[in-house]
Amino acid sequence: MARLRSEPGVVKIAEELRLSGNDPVSAVLGYCRTRVDSWIKSFKGPMTLPRLHQLVDEHLSLRHVVVRTDQELDELVREQLERREVIFSTLKGEFANGTEAITIKLQNAGVGMKRNLAVIDGRGEQAHRVYFGIRHEESHLLSLTPAQLSFVFRRTHATQNAAEERLMDRIGGELAFYPPLFRPELERLQRRYVRPCFQLVDDVRSEVCPDASWTATAIAVVEQNDFPTLFVTARYGSKTGDAGPRSANFALRASPRGNQAAKTAGLMIPWNYRVPQASIISVAFHAPHALLDQHADERLGIWTASNGSRLRDLPVHVEVRRRGDRVSAIVTLN
């Protein structure tokens, strides 16, 4: 986050919002939290995570449309062109060139219509990104500055405004699993179990955030947990710069996400670290058939680097679940 704090685009957003301090990222996040908290406070009735997202859209005058087929995209473009929203003539080209989501201020919104329209590409492999895509587009409006009275915001794989987009991802990540609402429900459900586990993830997703993807929910369960925990995705890959499957470094490698409790306890696995063959993570990945969730007690010291160094030899409990071409694991301190 230190690097993001110094990005000119991020500093500019904080300045245009008239926010002070040496950390523009924290200042913008605080500004957005204050707005959301005020809406929650003024709302009469029970508040849930899905209801919060509806409330945010109401206050931002935002309607979002998820297009899941080419036909739905064609119909949306036709509908908006009939309303004389000419910018939609380029929408298909935008999506073809890598845009994942786009938010447009409508020029001809009728009485009772929301002024802003977010279009999310949910076709094919994009489907699992829809939940975060919507939250990302909400973030643009939530942090809207006076200089952005007329706008088009695009979320793409590669963008000239990469720093601003990363800031929107930070805001969107909080909206997706808003801690004041998500964490109490997580703590309530976790009382059923000794430690974070896949069944807890399933319960949280079912009862708290049914629209979120399973992986996003698992990461939120780990990151907002007081129990030292890592969420690890393992799949085959090489070290950065190596040439794919023919490389000597092509191996089953870990993509970890941890929480503050894990960091404090020294429980960590470096990004892209090679998964040891002795770990149940590797065993589950190479099993001839997908199995039910499996568990094992291990030592983190079995994880070694090519130079012979080892991870801190902590006792850990590992639960694994095979998911297509990868294995997901929850690693907790024993």
C-alpha atoms as a PDB file:
ATOM      1  CA  MET A   1       0.000   0.000   0.000  1.00  0.00           C
ATOM      2  CA  ALA A   2       3.009   2.304   0.552  1.00  0.00           C
ATOM      3  CA  ARG A   3       3.623   2.509  -3.172  1.00  0.00           C
ATOM      4  CA  LEU A   4      -0.039   3.215  -3.875  1.00  0.00           C
ATOM      5  CA  ARG A   5       0.030   6.133  -1.427  1.00  0.00           C
ATOM      6  CA  SER A   6       2.578   7.957  -3.570  1.00  0.00           C
ATOM      7  CA  GLU A   7       0.827   7.481  -6.924  1.00  0.00           C
ATOM      8  CA  PRO A   8      -0.074  10.901  -8.423  1.00  0.00           C
ATOM      9  CA  GLY A   9      -3.566   9.767  -9.469  1.00  0.00           C
ATOM     10  CA  VAL A  10      -4.364   8.602  -5.937  1.00  0.00           C
ATOM     11  CA  VAL A  11      -2.967  11.789  -4.398  1.00  0.00           C
ATOM     12  CA  LYS A  12      -5.092  13.806  -6.827  1.00  0.00           C
ATOM     13  CA  ILE A  13      -8.297  12.013  -5.796  1.00  0.00           C
ATOM     14  CA  ALA A  14      -7.594  12.766  -2.121  1.00  0.00           C
ATOM     15  CA  GLU A  15      -6.818  16.406  -2.917  1.00  0.00           C
ATOM     16  CA  GLU A  16      -9.993  16.861  -4.970  1.00  0.00           C
ATOM     17  CA  LEU A  17     -12.001  15.407  -2.086  1.00  0.00           C
ATOM     18  CA  ARG A  18     -10.221  17.925   0.170  1.00  0.00           C
ATOM     19  CA  LEU A  19      -8.818  15.188   2.372  1.00  0.00           C
ATOM     20  CA  SER A  20      -5.747  15.884   4.479  1.00  0.00           C
ATOM     21  CA  GLY A  21      -2.988  13.698   5.887  1.00  0.00           C
ATOM     22  CA  ASN A  22       0.090  11.871   4.651  1.00  0.00           C
ATOM     23  CA  ASP A  23      -1.753   8.744   3.536  1.00  0.00           C
ATOM     24  CA  PRO A  24      -4.200   9.455   0.686  1.00  0.00           C
ATOM     25  CA  VAL A  25      -5.257   5.790   0.472  1.00  0.00           C
ATOM     26  CA  SER A  26      -6.376   5.683   4.111  1.00  0.00           C
ATOM     27  CA  ALA A  27      -7.972   9.107   3.742  1.00  0.00           C
ATOM     28  CA  VAL A  28     -10.070   8.065   0.728  1.00  0.00           C
ATOM     29  CA  LEU A  29     -11.034   4.776   2.382  1.00  0.00           C
ATOM     30  CA  GLY A  30     -12.063   6.683   5.505  1.00  0.00           C
ATOM     31  CA  TYR A  31     -14.100   9.123   3.420  1.00  0.00           C
ATOM     32  CA  CYS A  32     -15.979   6.245   1.776  1.00  0.00           C
ATOM     33  CA  ARG A  33     -16.551   4.474   5.104  1.00  0.00           C
ATOM     34  CA  THR A  34     -17.991   7.657   6.581  1.00  0.00           C
ATOM     35  CA  ARG A  35     -20.470   7.981   3.719  1.00  0.00           C
ATOM     36  CA  VAL A  36     -21.553   4.340   3.938  1.00  0.00           C
ATOM     37  CA  ASP A  37     -21.817   4.422   7.749  1.00  0.00           C
ATOM     38  CA  SER A  38     -24.052   7.494   7.573  1.00  0.00           C
ATOM     39  CA  TRP A  39     -26.404   5.697   5.185  1.00  0.00           C
ATOM     40  CA  ILE A  40     -26.535   2.654   7.441  1.00  0.00           C
ATOM     41  CA  LYS A  41     -27.234   4.844  10.480  1.00  0.00           C
ATOM     42  CA  SER A  42     -30.149   6.585   8.775  1.00  0.00           C
ATOM     43  CA  PHE A  43     -31.660   3.331   7.511  1.00  0.00           C
ATOM     44  CA  LYS A  44     -34.675   2.069   9.448  1.00  0.00           C
ATOM     45  CA  GLY A  45     -34.790  -1.693   9.775  1.00  0.00           C
ATOM     46  CA  PRO A  46     -32.385  -4.657   9.908  1.00  0.00           C
ATOM     47  CA  MET A  47     -29.282  -4.325   7.782  1.00  0.00           C
ATOM     48  CA  THR A  48     -27.671  -7.213   5.894  1.00  0.00           C
ATOM     49  CA  LEU A  49     -24.843  -7.270   3.391  1.00  0.00           C
ATOM     50  CA  PRO A  50     -27.154  -7.609   0.331  1.00  0.00           C
ATOM     51  CA  ARG A  51     -29.374  -4.839   1.702  1.00  0.00           C
ATOM     52  CA  LEU A  52     -26.330  -2.624   2.164  1.00  0.00           C
ATOM     53  CA  HIS A  53     -25.418  -3.028  -1.492  1.00  0.00           C
ATOM     54  CA  GLN A  54     -28.961  -2.065  -2.491  1.00  0.00           C
ATOM     55  CA  LEU A  55     -28.749   0.959  -0.197  1.00  0.00           C
ATOM     56  CA  VAL A  56     -25.434   2.041  -1.711  1.00  0.00           C
ATOM     57  CA  ASP A  57     -26.878   1.787  -5.224  1.00  0.00           C
ATOM     58  CA  GLU A  58     -29.906   3.859  -4.176  1.00  0.00           C
ATOM     59  CA  HIS A  59     -27.768   6.642  -2.734  1.00  0.00           C
ATOM     60  CA  LEU A  60     -25.460   6.615  -5.753  1.00  0.00           C
ATOM     61  CA  SER A  61     -28.384   6.526  -8.193  1.00  0.00           C
ATOM     62  CA  LEU A  62     -26.742   3.488  -9.766  1.00  0.00           C
ATOM     63  CA  ARG A  63     -28.301   0.680 -11.734  1.00  0.00           C
ATOM     64  CA  HIS A  64     -26.075  -2.199 -12.710  1.00  0.00           C
ATOM     65  CA  VAL A  65     -26.700  -4.636 -15.533  1.00  0.00           C
ATOM     66  CA  VAL A  66     -24.816  -7.916 -15.876  1.00  0.00           C
ATOM     67  CA  VAL A  67     -24.690  -9.214 -19.443  1.00  0.00           C
ATOM     68  CA  ARG A  68     -24.192 -12.979 -19.479  1.00  0.00           C
ATOM     69  CA  THR A  69     -24.653 -13.667 -23.200  1.00  0.00           C
ATOM     70  CA  ASP A  70     -23.870 -11.924 -26.476  1.00  0.00           C
ATOM     71  CA  GLN A  71     -27.620 -11.599 -27.048  1.00  0.00           C
ATOM     72  CA  GLU A  72     -28.075  -9.745 -23.745  1.00  0.00           C
ATOM     73  CA  LEU A  73     -25.277  -7.370 -24.735  1.00  0.00           C
ATOM     74  CA  ASP A  74     -26.887  -6.721 -28.125  1.00  0.00           C
ATOM     75  CA  GLU A  75     -30.249  -6.051 -26.486  1.00  0.00           C
ATOM     76  CA  LEU A  76     -28.736  -3.618 -23.986  1.00  0.00           C
ATOM     77  CA  VAL A  77     -26.945  -1.680 -26.710  1.00  0.00           C
ATOM     78  CA  ARG A  78     -30.128  -1.484 -28.793  1.00  0.00           C
ATOM     79  CA  GLU A  79     -32.174  -0.336 -25.781  1.00  0.00           C
ATOM     80  CA  GLN A  80     -29.736   2.425 -24.855  1.00  0.00           C
ATOM     81  CA  LEU A  81     -29.284   3.657 -28.426  1.00  0.00           C
ATOM     82  CA  GLU A  82     -33.072   3.973 -28.673  1.00  0.00           C
ATOM     83  CA  ARG A  83     -32.824   6.223 -25.589  1.00  0.00           C
ATOM     84  CA  ARG A  84     -30.253   8.310 -27.503  1.00  0.00           C
ATOM     85  CA  GLU A  85     -27.368   7.248 -25.254  1.00  0.00           C
ATOM     86  CA  VAL A  86     -24.942   7.289 -28.169  1.00  0.00           C
ATOM     87  CA  ILE A  87     -21.911   6.227 -26.148  1.00  0.00           C
ATOM     88  CA  PHE A  88     -23.327   2.689 -26.069  1.00  0.00           C
ATOM     89  CA  SER A  89     -22.507   2.329 -29.774  1.00  0.00           C
ATOM     90  CA  THR A  90     -18.921   1.555 -28.693  1.00  0.00           C
ATOM     91  CA  LEU A  91     -19.776  -0.845 -25.854  1.00  0.00           C
ATOM     92  CA  LYS A  92     -19.286  -4.106 -27.774  1.00  0.00           C
ATOM     93  CA  GLY A  93     -15.907  -2.898 -28.949  1.00  0.00           C
ATOM     94  CA  GLU A  94     -14.969  -1.902 -25.404  1.00  0.00           C
ATOM     95  CA  PHE A  95     -15.711  -5.377 -24.091  1.00  0.00           C
ATOM     96  CA  ALA A  96     -13.946  -7.018 -27.042  1.00  0.00           C
ATOM     97  CA  ASN A  97     -10.806  -5.027 -26.183  1.00  0.00           C
ATOM     98  CA  GLY A  98     -10.653  -6.160 -22.554  1.00  0.00           C
ATOM     99  CA  THR A  99     -13.013  -3.892 -20.631  1.00  0.00           C
ATOM    100  CA  GLU A 100     -14.588  -5.902 -17.809  1.00  0.00           C
ATOM    101  CA  ALA A 101     -17.039  -3.276 -16.572  1.00  0.00           C
ATOM    102  CA  ILE A 102     -18.020   0.254 -17.438  1.00  0.00           C
ATOM    103  CA  THR A 103     -19.991   2.939 -15.587  1.00  0.00           C
ATOM    104  CA  ILE A 104     -21.675   5.680 -17.586  1.00  0.00           C
ATOM    105  CA  LYS A 105     -23.535   8.794 -16.516  1.00  0.00           C
ATOM    106  CA  LEU A 106     -26.698   8.700 -18.615  1.00  0.00           C
ATOM    107  CA  GLN A 107     -27.503  11.815 -20.611  1.00  0.00           C
ATOM    108  CA  ASN A 108     -31.202  11.098 -21.075  1.00  0.00           C
ATOM    109  CA  ALA A 109     -32.336   9.433 -17.853  1.00  0.00           C
ATOM    110  CA  GLY A 110     -36.099   9.765 -17.503  1.00  0.00           C
ATOM    111  CA  VAL A 111     -38.123  10.577 -14.414  1.00  0.00           C
ATOM    112  CA  GLY A 112     -37.623   7.880 -11.792  1.00  0.00           C
ATOM    113  CA  MET A 113     -34.625   6.369 -13.600  1.00  0.00           C
ATOM    114  CA  LYS A 114     -31.215   6.106 -11.957  1.00  0.00           C
ATOM    115  CA  ARG A 115     -28.706   8.540 -13.416  1.00  0.00           C
ATOM    116  CA  ASN A 116     -25.785   6.101 -13.615  1.00  0.00           C
ATOM    117  CA  LEU A 117     -25.587   2.742 -15.362  1.00  0.00           C
ATOM    118  CA  ALA A 118     -22.869   0.158 -14.697  1.00  0.00           C
ATOM    119  CA  VAL A 119     -22.542  -2.638 -17.241  1.00  0.00           C
ATOM    120  CA  ILE A 120     -20.678  -5.740 -16.071  1.00  0.00           C
ATOM    121  CA  ASP A 121     -19.395  -8.344 -18.510  1.00  0.00           C
ATOM    122  CA  GLY A 122     -20.487 -11.672 -17.013  1.00  0.00           C
ATOM    123  CA  ARG A 123     -19.976 -13.810 -20.106  1.00  0.00           C
ATOM    124  CA  GLY A 124     -17.967 -17.027 -19.948  1.00  0.00           C
ATOM    125  CA  GLU A 125     -14.921 -16.886 -17.711  1.00  0.00           C
ATOM    126  CA  GLN A 126     -15.889 -13.391 -16.568  1.00  0.00           C
ATOM    127  CA  ALA A 127     -18.842 -14.779 -14.581  1.00  0.00           C
ATOM    128  CA  HIS A 128     -16.854 -15.342 -11.380  1.00  0.00           C
ATOM    129  CA  ARG A 129     -15.742 -11.689 -11.366  1.00  0.00           C
ATOM    130  CA  VAL A 130     -19.244 -10.192 -11.438  1.00  0.00           C
ATOM    131  CA  TYR A 131     -19.677  -9.667  -7.692  1.00  0.00           C
ATOM    132  CA  PHE A 132     -16.438  -7.717  -7.357  1.00  0.00           C
ATOM    133  CA  GLY A 133     -17.048  -5.982 -10.667  1.00  0.00           C
ATOM    134  CA  ILE A 134     -20.250  -4.457  -9.319  1.00  0.00           C
ATOM    135  CA  ARG A 135     -18.565  -3.359  -6.091  1.00  0.00           C
ATOM    136  CA  HIS A 136     -15.696  -1.849  -8.083  1.00  0.00           C
ATOM    137  CA  GLU A 137     -18.075   0.271 -10.131  1.00  0.00           C
ATOM    138  CA  GLU A 138     -19.873   1.396  -6.956  1.00  0.00           C
ATOM    139  CA  SER A 139     -16.480   2.506  -5.635  1.00  0.00           C
ATOM    140  CA  HIS A 140     -15.954   4.915  -8.515  1.00  0.00           C
ATOM    141  CA  LEU A 141     -19.171   6.736  -7.642  1.00  0.00           C
ATOM    142  CA  LEU A 142     -18.616   6.508  -3.898  1.00  0.00           C
ATOM    143  CA  SER A 143     -15.297   8.346  -4.256  1.00  0.00           C
ATOM    144  CA  LEU A 144     -16.482  10.679  -7.025  1.00  0.00           C
ATOM    145  CA  THR A 145     -14.740  14.047  -6.951  1.00  0.00           C
ATOM    146  CA  PRO A 146     -16.205  17.418  -8.035  1.00  0.00           C
ATOM    147  CA  ALA A 147     -13.970  17.304 -11.131  1.00  0.00           C
ATOM    148  CA  GLN A 148     -15.765  14.167 -12.355  1.00  0.00           C
ATOM    149  CA  LEU A 149     -19.199  15.613 -13.084  1.00  0.00           C
ATOM    150  CA  SER A 150     -19.309  13.892 -16.480  1.00  0.00           C
ATOM    151  CA  PHE A 151     -17.590  10.566 -16.632  1.00  0.00           C
ATOM    152  CA  VAL A 152     -17.111   7.119 -18.053  1.00  0.00           C
ATOM    153  CA  PHE A 153     -15.255   4.666 -15.813  1.00  0.00           C
ATOM    154  CA  ARG A 154     -13.797   1.471 -17.241  1.00  0.00           C
ATOM    155  CA  ARG A 155     -12.406  -1.554 -15.461  1.00  0.00           C
ATOM    156  CA  THR A 156      -9.935  -3.415 -17.657  1.00  0.00           C
ATOM    157  CA  HIS A 157      -7.208  -6.031 -17.333  1.00  0.00           C
ATOM    158  CA  ALA A 158      -4.664  -3.323 -18.202  1.00  0.00           C
ATOM    159  CA  THR A 159      -5.445   0.344 -17.806  1.00  0.00           C
ATOM    160  CA  GLN A 160      -3.608   3.638 -18.023  1.00  0.00           C
ATOM    161  CA  ASN A 161      -5.137   4.520 -14.644  1.00  0.00           C
ATOM    162  CA  ALA A 162      -3.783   1.429 -12.883  1.00  0.00           C
ATOM    163  CA  ALA A 163      -3.193   3.162  -9.532  1.00  0.00           C
ATOM    164  CA  GLU A 164      -6.710   4.618  -9.401  1.00  0.00           C
ATOM    165  CA  GLU A 165      -8.139   1.221 -10.327  1.00  0.00           C
ATOM    166  CA  ARG A 166      -6.197  -0.453  -7.519  1.00  0.00           C
ATOM    167  CA  LEU A 167      -7.606   2.131  -5.131  1.00  0.00           C
ATOM    168  CA  MET A 168     -11.111   1.331  -6.386  1.00  0.00           C
ATOM    169  CA  ASP A 169     -10.344  -2.363  -5.801  1.00  0.00           C
ATOM    170  CA  ARG A 170      -9.491  -1.535  -2.185  1.00  0.00           C
ATOM    171  CA  ILE A 171     -12.750   0.341  -1.721  1.00  0.00           C
ATOM    172  CA  GLY A 172     -14.709  -2.349  -3.563  1.00  0.00           C
ATOM    173  CA  GLY A 173     -13.127  -5.057  -1.429  1.00  0.00           C
ATOM    174  CA  GLU A 174     -14.474  -3.371   1.699  1.00  0.00           C
ATOM    175  CA  LEU A 175     -17.915  -2.913   0.179  1.00  0.00           C
ATOM    176  CA  ALA A 176     -18.033  -6.550  -0.923  1.00  0.00           C
ATOM    177  CA  PHE A 177     -17.614  -7.847   2.635  1.00  0.00           C
ATOM    178  CA  TYR A 178     -18.229  -4.698   4.665  1.00  0.00           C
ATOM    179  CA  PRO A 179     -16.522  -5.520   7.999  1.00  0.00           C
ATOM    180  CA  PRO A 180     -19.104  -3.935  10.367  1.00  0.00           C
ATOM    181  CA  LEU A 181     -21.748  -6.242   8.849  1.00  0.00           C
ATOM    182  CA  PHE A 182     -19.699  -9.227   7.685  1.00  0.00           C
ATOM    183  CA  ARG A 183     -17.512  -9.823  10.701  1.00  0.00           C
ATOM    184  CA  PRO A 184     -20.253 -10.266  13.335  1.00  0.00           C
ATOM    185  CA  GLU A 185     -21.935 -12.848  11.097  1.00  0.00           C
ATOM    186  CA  LEU A 186     -18.611 -14.587  10.520  1.00  0.00           C
ATOM    187  CA  GLU A 187     -17.974 -14.769  14.265  1.00  0.00           C
ATOM    188  CA  ARG A 188     -21.479 -16.106  14.894  1.00  0.00           C
ATOM    189  CA  LEU A 189     -21.110 -18.889  12.324  1.00  0.00           C
ATOM    190  CA  GLN A 190     -17.558 -19.742  13.347  1.00  0.00           C
ATOM    191  CA  ARG A 191     -18.732 -20.766  16.811  1.00  0.00           C
ATOM    192  CA  ARG A 192     -19.883 -24.015  15.172  1.00  0.00           C
ATOM    193  CA  TYR A 193     -16.269 -24.962  14.401  1.00  0.00           C
ATOM    194  CA  VAL A 194     -12.912 -25.135  16.136  1.00  0.00           C
ATOM    195  CA  ARG A 195     -11.113 -23.153  13.437  1.00  0.00           C
ATOM    196  CA  PRO A 196     -11.718 -21.670   9.969  1.00  0.00           C
ATOM    197  CA  CYS A 197     -12.642 -24.432   7.541  1.00  0.00           C
ATOM    198  CA  PHE A 198     -14.332 -25.011   4.205  1.00  0.00           C
ATOM    199  CA  GLN A 199     -17.661 -25.791   5.822  1.00  0.00           C
ATOM    200  CA  LEU A 200     -17.506 -22.384   7.490  1.00  0.00           C
ATOM    201  CA  VAL A 201     -16.871 -20.787   4.070  1.00  0.00           C
ATOM    202  CA  ASP A 202     -19.866 -22.660   2.656  1.00  0.00           C
ATOM    203  CA  ASP A 203     -22.064 -21.532   5.567  1.00  0.00           C
ATOM    204  CA  VAL A 204     -20.973 -17.893   5.306  1.00  0.00           C
ATOM    205  CA  ARG A 205     -21.571 -17.796   1.585  1.00  0.00           C
ATOM    206  CA  SER A 206     -24.994 -19.396   1.926  1.00  0.00           C
ATOM    207  CA  GLU A 207     -26.213 -17.244   4.812  1.00  0.00           C
ATOM    208  CA  VAL A 208     -24.373 -13.931   4.460  1.00  0.00           C
ATOM    209  CA  CYS A 209     -23.240 -13.257   0.885  1.00  0.00           C
ATOM    210  CA  PRO A 210     -24.943 -15.650  -1.576  1.00  0.00           C
ATOM    211  CA  ASP A 211     -24.012 -13.523  -4.603  1.00  0.00           C
ATOM    212  CA  ALA A 212     -20.273 -13.634  -3.908  1.00  0.00           C
ATOM    213  CA  SER A 213     -18.014 -16.221  -5.484  1.00  0.00           C
ATOM    214  CA  TRP A 214     -16.794 -19.084  -3.332  1.00  0.00           C
ATOM    215  CA  THR A 215     -13.159 -18.016  -3.602  1.00  0.00           C
ATOM    216  CA  ALA A 216     -13.892 -14.389  -2.706  1.00  0.00           C
ATOM    217  CA  THR A 217     -15.878 -15.566   0.321  1.00  0.00           C
ATOM    218  CA  ALA A 218     -13.042 -17.859   1.424  1.00  0.00           C
ATOM    219  CA  ILE A 219     -10.543 -15.002   1.240  1.00  0.00           C
ATOM    220  CA  ALA A 220     -12.862 -12.726   3.240  1.00  0.00           C
ATOM    221  CA  VAL A 221     -13.374 -15.428   5.886  1.00  0.00           C
ATOM    222  CA  VAL A 222      -9.601 -15.701   6.286  1.00  0.00           C
ATOM    223  CA  GLU A 223      -8.712 -12.011   6.109  1.00  0.00           C
ATOM    224  CA  GLN A 224     -11.347 -10.952   8.654  1.00  0.00           C
ATOM    225  CA  ASN A 225     -10.499 -13.783  11.064  1.00  0.00           C
ATOM    226  CA  ASP A 226      -8.685 -13.561  14.404  1.00  0.00           C
ATOM    227  CA  PHE A 227      -7.437 -17.161  14.057  1.00  0.00           C
ATOM    228  CA  PRO A 228      -3.982 -17.379  12.365  1.00  0.00           C
ATOM    229  CA  THR A 229      -4.963 -18.625   8.911  1.00  0.00           C
ATOM    230  CA  LEU A 230      -3.800 -18.753   5.303  1.00  0.00           C
ATOM    231  CA  PHE A 231      -5.950 -19.383   2.237  1.00  0.00           C
ATOM    232  CA  VAL A 232      -3.806 -21.030  -0.421  1.00  0.00           C
ATOM    233  CA  THR A 233      -4.549 -21.729  -4.072  1.00  0.00           C
ATOM    234  CA  ALA A 234      -2.161 -24.236  -5.653  1.00  0.00           C
ATOM    235  CA  ARG A 235      -1.730 -24.771  -9.374  1.00  0.00           C
ATOM    236  CA  TYR A 236       1.105 -25.492 -11.765  1.00  0.00           C
ATOM    237  CA  GLY A 237       3.297 -22.593 -12.848  1.00  0.00           C
ATOM    238  CA  SER A 238       6.860 -21.324 -13.150  1.00  0.00           C
ATOM    239  CA  LYS A 239       8.874 -18.632 -11.493  1.00  0.00           C
ATOM    240  CA  THR A 240       8.445 -15.164 -12.962  1.00  0.00           C
ATOM    241  CA  GLY A 241      10.228 -14.964 -16.296  1.00  0.00           C
ATOM    242  CA  ASP A 242      10.520 -18.724 -16.817  1.00  0.00           C
ATOM    243  CA  ALA A 243       9.213 -20.319 -19.984  1.00  0.00           C
ATOM    244  CA  GLY A 244       6.212 -22.412 -18.963  1.00  0.00           C
ATOM    245  CA  PRO A 245       5.912 -26.209 -18.724  1.00  0.00           C
ATOM    246  CA  ARG A 246       9.320 -26.879 -20.284  1.00  0.00           C
ATOM    247  CA  SER A 247      11.054 -24.836 -17.601  1.00  0.00           C
ATOM    248  CA  ALA A 248      12.944 -26.651 -14.878  1.00  0.00           C
ATOM    249  CA  ASN A 249      11.031 -24.475 -12.429  1.00  0.00           C
ATOM    250  CA  PHE A 250       7.587 -25.600 -13.608  1.00  0.00           C
ATOM    251  CA  ALA A 251       5.947 -27.007 -10.482  1.00  0.00           C
ATOM    252  CA  LEU A 252       2.906 -26.932  -8.249  1.00  0.00           C
ATOM    253  CA  ARG A 253       3.087 -23.472  -6.672  1.00  0.00           C
ATOM    254  CA  ALA A 254       1.175 -21.635  -3.963  1.00  0.00           C
ATOM    255  CA  SER A 255      -0.745 -18.358  -4.124  1.00  0.00           C
ATOM    256  CA  PRO A 256      -1.394 -17.502  -0.443  1.00  0.00           C
ATOM    257  CA  ARG A 257      -3.601 -14.923   1.260  1.00  0.00           C
ATOM    258  CA  GLY A 258      -3.245 -14.497   5.010  1.00  0.00           C
ATOM    259  CA  ASN A 259      -4.569 -12.422   7.900  1.00  0.00           C
ATOM    260  CA  GLN A 260      -2.943 -10.194  10.477  1.00  0.00           C
ATOM    261  CA  ALA A 261      -3.083 -12.952  13.105  1.00  0.00           C
ATOM    262  CA  ALA A 262      -1.045 -15.234  10.813  1.00  0.00           C
ATOM    263  CA  LYS A 263       1.502 -12.485  10.206  1.00  0.00           C
ATOM    264  CA  THR A 264       1.846 -11.880  13.946  1.00  0.00           C
ATOM    265  CA  ALA A 265       2.315 -15.616  14.586  1.00  0.00           C
ATOM    266  CA  GLY A 266       4.915 -15.964  11.825  1.00  0.00           C
ATOM    267  CA  LEU A 267       2.648 -18.189   9.757  1.00  0.00           C
ATOM    268  CA  MET A 268       3.457 -17.370   6.149  1.00  0.00           C
ATOM    269  CA  ILE A 269       4.123 -18.960   2.763  1.00  0.00           C
ATOM    270  CA  PRO A 270       5.831 -16.761   0.146  1.00  0.00           C
ATOM    271  CA  TRP A 271       4.009 -16.054  -3.096  1.00  0.00           C
ATOM    272  CA  ASN A 272       4.653 -18.627  -5.854  1.00  0.00           C
ATOM    273  CA  TYR A 273       6.490 -20.941  -3.444  1.00  0.00           C
ATOM    274  CA  ARG A 274       6.871 -24.562  -4.539  1.00  0.00           C
ATOM    275  CA  VAL A 275       4.390 -26.931  -2.822  1.00  0.00           C
ATOM    276  CA  PRO A 276       6.238 -29.904  -1.268  1.00  0.00           C
ATOM    277  CA  GLN A 277       5.307 -33.366  -2.567  1.00  0.00           C
ATOM    278  CA  ALA A 278       4.786 -34.539   1.017  1.00  0.00           C
ATOM    279  CA  SER A 279       2.032 -32.006   1.658  1.00  0.00           C
ATOM    280  CA  ILE A 280      -1.589 -33.062   1.428  1.00  0.00           C
ATOM    281  CA  ILE A 281      -2.007 -30.145  -0.981  1.00  0.00           C
ATOM    282  CA  SER A 282       0.179 -31.932  -3.524  1.00  0.00           C
ATOM    283  CA  VAL A 283      -1.385 -35.318  -2.759  1.00  0.00           C
ATOM    284  CA  ALA A 284      -4.892 -33.966  -3.397  1.00  0.00           C
ATOM    285  CA  PHE A 285      -3.826 -32.232  -6.612  1.00  0.00           C
ATOM    286  CA  HIS A 286      -2.274 -35.384  -8.096  1.00  0.00           C
ATOM    287  CA  ALA A 287      -5.040 -37.762  -6.995  1.00  0.00           C
ATOM    288  CA  PRO A 288      -6.614 -39.464 -10.054  1.00  0.00           C
ATOM    289  CA  HIS A 289     -10.090 -38.324  -9.023  1.00  0.00           C
ATOM    290  CA  ALA A 290     -11.443 -35.332  -7.148  1.00  0.00           C
ATOM    291  CA  LEU A 291     -11.930 -36.372  -3.522  1.00  0.00           C
ATOM    292  CA  LEU A 292     -13.953 -35.031  -0.648  1.00  0.00           C
ATOM    293  CA  ASP A 293     -12.321 -32.407   1.543  1.00  0.00           C
ATOM    294  CA  GLN A 294      -9.230 -33.845   3.224  1.00  0.00           C
ATOM    295  CA  HIS A 295      -7.354 -32.883   6.378  1.00  0.00           C
ATOM    296  CA  ALA A 296      -3.848 -33.397   7.699  1.00  0.00           C
ATOM    297  CA  ASP A 297      -1.555 -32.135  10.443  1.00  0.00           C
ATOM    298  CA  GLU A 298       1.784 -31.087   8.976  1.00  0.00           C
ATOM    299  CA  ARG A 299       4.918 -29.076   9.732  1.00  0.00           C
ATOM    300  CA  LEU A 300       5.530 -25.948   7.702  1.00  0.00           C
ATOM    301  CA  GLY A 301       9.222 -26.835   7.698  1.00  0.00           C
ATOM    302  CA  ILE A 302       8.641 -29.348   4.881  1.00  0.00           C
ATOM    303  CA  TRP A 303       8.314 -26.350   2.535  1.00  0.00           C
ATOM    304  CA  THR A 304      11.763 -25.716   1.036  1.00  0.00           C
ATOM    305  CA  ALA A 305      13.185 -23.326  -1.540  1.00  0.00           C
ATOM    306  CA  SER A 306      15.590 -24.238  -4.351  1.00  0.00           C
ATOM    307  CA  ASN A 307      18.463 -22.782  -2.296  1.00  0.00           C
ATOM    308  CA  GLY A 308      17.745 -25.227   0.527  1.00  0.00           C
ATOM    309  CA  SER A 309      16.140 -22.750   2.924  1.00  0.00           C
ATOM    310  CA  ARG A 310      12.994 -23.792   4.771  1.00  0.00           C
ATOM    311  CA  LEU A 311       9.916 -22.053   6.103  1.00  0.00           C
ATOM    312  CA  ARG A 312       9.551 -21.616   9.830  1.00  0.00           C
ATOM    313  CA  ASP A 313       8.799 -25.074  11.221  1.00  0.00           C
ATOM    314  CA  LEU A 314       5.380 -24.342  12.711  1.00  0.00           C
ATOM    315  CA  PRO A 315       2.756 -27.041  13.374  1.00  0.00           C
ATOM    316  CA  VAL A 316      -0.178 -26.498  11.029  1.00  0.00           C
ATOM    317  CA  HIS A 317      -3.505 -28.055  10.146  1.00  0.00           C
ATOM    318  CA  VAL A 318      -4.211 -28.214   6.412  1.00  0.00           C
ATOM    319  CA  GLU A 319      -7.607 -28.743   4.812  1.00  0.00           C
ATOM    320  CA  VAL A 320      -7.756 -29.185   1.036  1.00  0.00           C
ATOM    321  CA  ARG A 321     -10.460 -29.103  -1.608  1.00  0.00           C
ATOM    322  CA  ARG A 322      -9.865 -29.995  -5.261  1.00  0.00           C
ATOM    323  CA  ARG A 323     -11.416 -27.455  -7.635  1.00  0.00           C
ATOM    324  CA  GLY A 324     -10.806 -28.120 -11.349  1.00  0.00           C
ATOM    325  CA  ASP A 325      -7.175 -27.457 -12.269  1.00  0.00           C
ATOM    326  CA  ARG A 326      -6.259 -26.242  -8.797  1.00  0.00           C
ATOM    327  CA  VAL A 327      -6.442 -27.141  -5.130  1.00  0.00           C
ATOM    328  CA  SER A 328      -7.662 -24.734  -2.476  1.00  0.00           C
ATOM    329  CA  ALA A 329      -6.286 -25.078   1.025  1.00  0.00           C
ATOM    330  CA  ILE A 330      -6.967 -23.528   4.397  1.00  0.00           C
ATOM    331  CA  VAL A 331      -3.851 -23.609   6.564  1.00  0.00           C
ATOM    332  CA  THR A 332      -4.303 -22.856  10.270  1.00  0.00           C
ATOM    333  CA  LEU A 333      -1.854 -22.760  13.139  1.00  0.00           C
ATOM    334  CA  ASN A 334      -2.044 -25.840  15.365  1.00  0.00           C
END
